[in-house]
Amino acid sequence: MSPQGILILSAVLFTMGVFGVLWNRGAITILMCVEIMLNAAGLAFVLAGARWGAADGQIMFIFILVMAAAEVAVGLALLLRLSRRFE
């Protein structure tokens, strides 16, 4: 696949995530859309790193994965706290 095609895929995924965050009201759905946006940014970083032969893109992708894992952990903690409070 060409680099332009991968960048277009990344832009489409990021746009889908933005629209999902703006249009949905459920906490789980918003967290999933933020995850899609983070993965789209990671894809662009990996492509840029591969294009220029540097490991910077992969390092940034690892940081993005760590941030996504932290986001999921905080989101699940909030949902568990809310479910315990309202049951």
C-alpha atoms as a PDB file:
ATOM      1  CA  MET A   1       0.000   0.000   0.000  1.00  0.00           C
ATOM      2  CA  SER A   2       1.292   3.450  -0.830  1.00  0.00           C
ATOM      3  CA  PRO A   3       2.157   5.987   1.877  1.00  0.00           C
ATOM      4  CA  GLN A   4      -0.589   8.280   0.596  1.00  0.00           C
ATOM      5  CA  GLY A   5      -3.140   5.490   1.011  1.00  0.00           C
ATOM      6  CA  ILE A   6      -2.025   4.850   4.570  1.00  0.00           C
ATOM      7  CA  LEU A   7      -2.244   8.563   5.396  1.00  0.00           C
ATOM      8  CA  ILE A   8      -5.734   8.697   3.900  1.00  0.00           C
ATOM      9  CA  LEU A   9      -6.715   5.670   6.004  1.00  0.00           C
ATOM     10  CA  SER A  10      -5.308   7.366   9.084  1.00  0.00           C
ATOM     11  CA  ALA A  11      -7.223  10.566   8.318  1.00  0.00           C
ATOM     12  CA  VAL A  12     -10.463   8.640   7.765  1.00  0.00           C
ATOM     13  CA  LEU A  13     -10.047   6.776  11.057  1.00  0.00           C
ATOM     14  CA  PHE A  14      -9.280  10.002  12.911  1.00  0.00           C
ATOM     15  CA  THR A  15     -12.321  11.711  11.371  1.00  0.00           C
ATOM     16  CA  MET A  16     -14.532   8.788  12.349  1.00  0.00           C
ATOM     17  CA  GLY A  17     -13.257   9.079  15.908  1.00  0.00           C
ATOM     18  CA  VAL A  18     -13.917  12.825  16.038  1.00  0.00           C
ATOM     19  CA  PHE A  19     -17.464  12.410  14.733  1.00  0.00           C
ATOM     20  CA  GLY A  20     -18.050   9.596  17.209  1.00  0.00           C
ATOM     21  CA  VAL A  21     -16.926  11.762  20.122  1.00  0.00           C
ATOM     22  CA  LEU A  22     -19.089  14.674  18.972  1.00  0.00           C
ATOM     23  CA  TRP A  23     -22.270  12.713  18.251  1.00  0.00           C
ATOM     24  CA  ASN A  24     -22.369  10.026  20.941  1.00  0.00           C
ATOM     25  CA  ARG A  25     -23.315  10.517  24.543  1.00  0.00           C
ATOM     26  CA  GLY A  26     -22.400   7.149  26.021  1.00  0.00           C
ATOM     27  CA  ALA A  27     -19.182   7.015  28.001  1.00  0.00           C
ATOM     28  CA  ILE A  28     -18.087   3.669  26.573  1.00  0.00           C
ATOM     29  CA  THR A  29     -18.696   4.808  23.002  1.00  0.00           C
ATOM     30  CA  ILE A  30     -16.770   8.035  23.540  1.00  0.00           C
ATOM     31  CA  LEU A  31     -13.838   6.104  25.005  1.00  0.00           C
ATOM     32  CA  MET A  32     -13.844   3.772  22.006  1.00  0.00           C
ATOM     33  CA  CYS A  33     -13.858   6.737  19.622  1.00  0.00           C
ATOM     34  CA  VAL A  34     -10.925   8.329  21.466  1.00  0.00           C
ATOM     35  CA  GLU A  35      -9.129   4.991  21.135  1.00  0.00           C
ATOM     36  CA  ILE A  36      -9.755   5.049  17.372  1.00  0.00           C
ATOM     37  CA  MET A  37      -8.328   8.560  17.186  1.00  0.00           C
ATOM     38  CA  LEU A  38      -5.209   7.540  19.116  1.00  0.00           C
ATOM     39  CA  ASN A  39      -4.663   4.524  16.864  1.00  0.00           C
ATOM     40  CA  ALA A  40      -5.024   6.695  13.757  1.00  0.00           C
ATOM     41  CA  ALA A  41      -2.361   9.062  15.074  1.00  0.00           C
ATOM     42  CA  GLY A  42      -0.151   6.078  15.885  1.00  0.00           C
ATOM     43  CA  LEU A  43      -0.537   4.755  12.352  1.00  0.00           C
ATOM     44  CA  ALA A  44       0.595   8.094  10.949  1.00  0.00           C
ATOM     45  CA  PHE A  45       3.622   8.140  13.272  1.00  0.00           C
ATOM     46  CA  VAL A  46       4.637   4.615  12.273  1.00  0.00           C
ATOM     47  CA  LEU A  47       4.313   5.511   8.600  1.00  0.00           C
ATOM     48  CA  ALA A  48       6.454   8.617   9.061  1.00  0.00           C
ATOM     49  CA  GLY A  49       9.094   6.652  10.938  1.00  0.00           C
ATOM     50  CA  ALA A  50       9.182   3.952   8.277  1.00  0.00           C
ATOM     51  CA  ARG A  51       9.288   6.520   5.481  1.00  0.00           C
ATOM     52  CA  TRP A  52      12.375   8.274   6.863  1.00  0.00           C
ATOM     53  CA  GLY A  53      14.027   5.166   8.285  1.00  0.00           C
ATOM     54  CA  ALA A  54      13.962   6.366  11.884  1.00  0.00           C
ATOM     55  CA  ALA A  55      12.705   4.645  15.008  1.00  0.00           C
ATOM     56  CA  ASP A  56      10.960   7.799  16.207  1.00  0.00           C
ATOM     57  CA  GLY A  57       7.604   6.730  14.786  1.00  0.00           C
ATOM     58  CA  GLN A  58       7.654   3.436  16.656  1.00  0.00           C
ATOM     59  CA  ILE A  59       8.697   5.159  19.883  1.00  0.00           C
ATOM     60  CA  MET A  60       5.831   7.622  19.561  1.00  0.00           C
ATOM     61  CA  PHE A  61       3.469   4.723  18.896  1.00  0.00           C
ATOM     62  CA  ILE A  62       4.579   3.083  22.146  1.00  0.00           C
ATOM     63  CA  PHE A  63       3.814   6.336  23.976  1.00  0.00           C
ATOM     64  CA  ILE A  64       0.401   6.445  22.303  1.00  0.00           C
ATOM     65  CA  LEU A  65      -0.305   2.856  23.388  1.00  0.00           C
ATOM     66  CA  VAL A  66       0.646   3.701  26.974  1.00  0.00           C
ATOM     67  CA  MET A  67      -1.614   6.741  26.904  1.00  0.00           C
ATOM     68  CA  ALA A  68      -4.463   4.678  25.467  1.00  0.00           C
ATOM     69  CA  ALA A  69      -4.044   2.046  28.172  1.00  0.00           C
ATOM     70  CA  ALA A  70      -4.127   4.736  30.852  1.00  0.00           C
ATOM     71  CA  GLU A  71      -7.252   6.221  29.281  1.00  0.00           C
ATOM     72  CA  VAL A  72      -8.966   2.835  29.307  1.00  0.00           C
ATOM     73  CA  ALA A  73      -7.990   2.228  32.928  1.00  0.00           C
ATOM     74  CA  VAL A  74      -9.346   5.602  34.053  1.00  0.00           C
ATOM     75  CA  GLY A  75     -12.517   5.134  32.017  1.00  0.00           C
ATOM     76  CA  LEU A  76     -13.182   1.699  33.451  1.00  0.00           C
ATOM     77  CA  ALA A  77     -12.502   2.949  36.966  1.00  0.00           C
ATOM     78  CA  LEU A  78     -15.037   5.749  36.470  1.00  0.00           C
ATOM     79  CA  LEU A  79     -17.633   3.351  35.101  1.00  0.00           C
ATOM     80  CA  LEU A  80     -17.141   0.922  37.985  1.00  0.00           C
ATOM     81  CA  ARG A  81     -17.451   3.752  40.487  1.00  0.00           C
ATOM     82  CA  LEU A  82     -20.655   4.996  38.851  1.00  0.00           C
ATOM     83  CA  SER A  83     -22.167   1.539  38.657  1.00  0.00           C
ATOM     84  CA  ARG A  84     -21.456   0.912  42.355  1.00  0.00           C
ATOM     85  CA  ARG A  85     -22.908   4.265  43.313  1.00  0.00           C
ATOM     86  CA  PHE A  86     -26.202   3.896  41.430  1.00  0.00           C
ATOM     87  CA  GLU A  87     -26.922   0.221  42.136  1.00  0.00           C
END
